[in-house]
């Protein structure tokens, strides 16, 4: 079954695939573990995985700590938190660039959502 890439617009394809693997794990993970999982699907160099995970740490998506001779990585945010932050950043940037036109289209889309779902969304907004 093909995994739906909800993070693909914010993260690159390989970054998104790596984050999917890390989000699926409960504990911190080493580059070696991620590389082994990826290598079952495609040919990929350990150093490529190491570079991408390092970049994700530098971007603040992953947190890493040294254990022995290697780094262990864990997500800074849950997948849901990451997606919410990404959507917020995209929306804020778009509104500041395009203004009222974007808000008008957004409101039209919100009106298509069921009243129950709108209430759930409003509840989430109140939590922030």
Protein backbone atom coordinates (compact mmCIF):
# COMPACT_ATOMS: atom_id res chain seq x y z
CA UNK A 1 0.00 0.00 0.00
CA UNK A 2 1.38 3.38 -0.98
CA UNK A 3 1.70 5.87 1.88
CA UNK A 4 -0.03 9.22 1.41
CA UNK A 5 2.59 11.98 1.49
CA UNK A 6 1.00 14.79 3.43
CA UNK A 7 4.32 16.45 4.13
CA UNK A 8 5.62 16.33 0.57
CA UNK A 9 5.01 20.01 -0.18
CA UNK A 10 7.08 21.19 2.78
CA UNK A 11 9.70 18.48 2.83
CA UNK A 12 11.45 16.92 -0.13
CA UNK A 13 10.54 13.39 -1.18
CA UNK A 14 13.40 11.71 0.67
CA UNK A 15 13.01 13.97 3.71
CA UNK A 16 9.32 13.06 3.85
CA UNK A 17 10.08 9.35 3.55
CA UNK A 18 12.68 9.55 6.33
CA UNK A 19 10.33 11.48 8.59
CA UNK A 20 7.62 8.88 7.98
CA UNK A 21 9.99 6.17 9.19
CA UNK A 22 11.01 8.20 12.24
CA UNK A 23 7.42 9.13 13.15
CA UNK A 24 6.50 5.44 13.02
CA UNK A 25 9.17 4.61 15.63
CA UNK A 26 8.59 5.05 19.35
CA UNK A 27 12.22 5.51 20.32
CA UNK A 28 15.06 7.60 18.99
CA UNK A 29 16.59 6.08 15.87
CA UNK A 30 20.09 5.88 14.39
CA UNK A 31 20.93 6.68 10.78
CA UNK A 32 21.86 3.03 10.32
CA UNK A 33 18.32 1.91 11.20
CA UNK A 34 16.69 4.38 8.83
CA UNK A 35 19.12 3.48 6.04
CA UNK A 36 18.33 -0.23 6.50
CA UNK A 37 14.59 0.39 6.21
CA UNK A 38 15.04 2.60 3.14
CA UNK A 39 17.37 0.11 1.47
CA UNK A 40 14.55 -2.46 1.43
CA UNK A 41 12.64 -0.16 -0.95
CA UNK A 42 15.48 1.36 -2.98
CA UNK A 43 19.22 1.56 -3.37
CA UNK A 44 20.47 4.37 -1.15
CA UNK A 45 23.82 5.24 0.39
CA UNK A 46 24.20 5.44 4.16
CA UNK A 47 25.90 8.82 3.73
CA UNK A 48 22.88 10.18 1.84
CA UNK A 49 20.58 9.23 4.71
CA UNK A 50 23.05 10.69 7.20
CA UNK A 51 23.20 13.98 5.27
CA UNK A 52 19.42 14.30 5.01
CA UNK A 53 18.90 13.50 8.69
CA UNK A 54 21.55 16.06 9.60
CA UNK A 55 19.77 18.66 7.48
CA UNK A 56 16.44 17.82 9.13
CA UNK A 57 18.10 18.36 12.51
CA UNK A 58 19.53 21.69 11.33
CA UNK A 59 16.06 22.73 10.14
CA UNK A 60 14.67 21.96 13.59
CA UNK A 61 12.52 19.05 12.45
CA UNK A 62 14.63 16.41 14.21
CA UNK A 63 16.43 16.49 17.53
CA UNK A 64 19.69 14.57 17.79
CA UNK A 65 21.87 13.54 20.67
CA UNK A 66 25.14 11.69 20.75
CA UNK A 67 25.05 8.20 22.18
CA UNK A 68 28.38 6.47 22.08
CA UNK A 69 29.92 7.02 18.67
CA UNK A 70 26.70 7.82 16.79
CA UNK A 71 23.79 10.21 16.89
CA UNK A 72 20.25 9.16 17.71
CA UNK A 73 17.42 11.16 16.20
CA UNK A 74 13.84 11.76 17.24
CA UNK A 75 11.18 14.09 15.87
CA UNK A 76 10.87 17.50 17.48
CA UNK A 77 7.14 17.48 16.68
CA UNK A 78 4.54 14.78 16.13
CA UNK A 79 3.39 14.38 12.53
CA UNK A 80 0.16 16.20 13.37
CA UNK A 81 2.00 19.10 15.01
CA UNK A 82 4.40 19.33 12.08
CA UNK A 83 1.60 19.41 9.52
CA UNK A 84 -0.33 22.00 11.55
CA UNK A 85 2.75 24.24 11.76
CA UNK A 86 3.50 23.82 8.05
CA UNK A 87 -0.08 24.68 7.06
CA UNK A 88 -0.05 27.68 9.38
CA UNK A 89 3.22 28.96 7.88
CA UNK A 90 2.03 28.44 4.31
CA UNK A 91 -1.32 30.08 5.00
CA UNK A 92 0.19 33.04 6.87
CA UNK A 93 2.71 33.63 4.11
CA UNK A 94 0.03 33.41 1.43
CA UNK A 95 -2.33 35.77 3.25
CA UNK A 96 0.43 38.32 3.81
CA UNK A 97 1.31 38.17 0.11
CA UNK A 98 -2.14 37.96 -1.50
CA UNK A 99 -4.38 39.34 1.25
CA UNK A 100 -8.15 39.37 1.08
CA UNK A 101 -8.42 37.27 -2.07
CA UNK A 102 -6.95 34.27 -0.24
CA UNK A 103 -9.17 34.82 2.79
CA UNK A 104 -12.27 34.93 0.57
CA UNK A 105 -11.41 31.58 -1.03
CA UNK A 106 -10.53 30.08 2.33
CA UNK A 107 -13.86 31.14 3.85
CA UNK A 108 -15.72 29.65 0.87
CA UNK A 109 -13.95 26.34 1.44
CA UNK A 110 -14.68 26.40 5.17
CA UNK A 111 -18.39 26.88 4.40
CA UNK A 112 -18.32 23.54 2.54
CA UNK A 113 -17.27 21.67 5.69
CA UNK A 114 -19.95 20.06 7.84
CA UNK A 115 -21.02 22.05 10.93
CA UNK A 116 -19.67 19.27 13.18
CA UNK A 117 -16.25 19.41 11.55
CA UNK A 118 -16.22 23.23 11.77
CA UNK A 119 -16.88 22.98 15.52
CA UNK A 120 -13.97 20.55 15.86
CA UNK A 121 -11.70 22.98 14.01
CA UNK A 122 -12.82 25.90 16.18
CA UNK A 123 -12.07 23.82 19.26
CA UNK A 124 -8.53 23.21 17.98
CA UNK A 125 -8.08 26.96 17.41
CA UNK A 126 -9.16 27.67 20.99
CA UNK A 127 -6.40 25.33 22.25
CA UNK A 128 -3.66 27.55 20.76
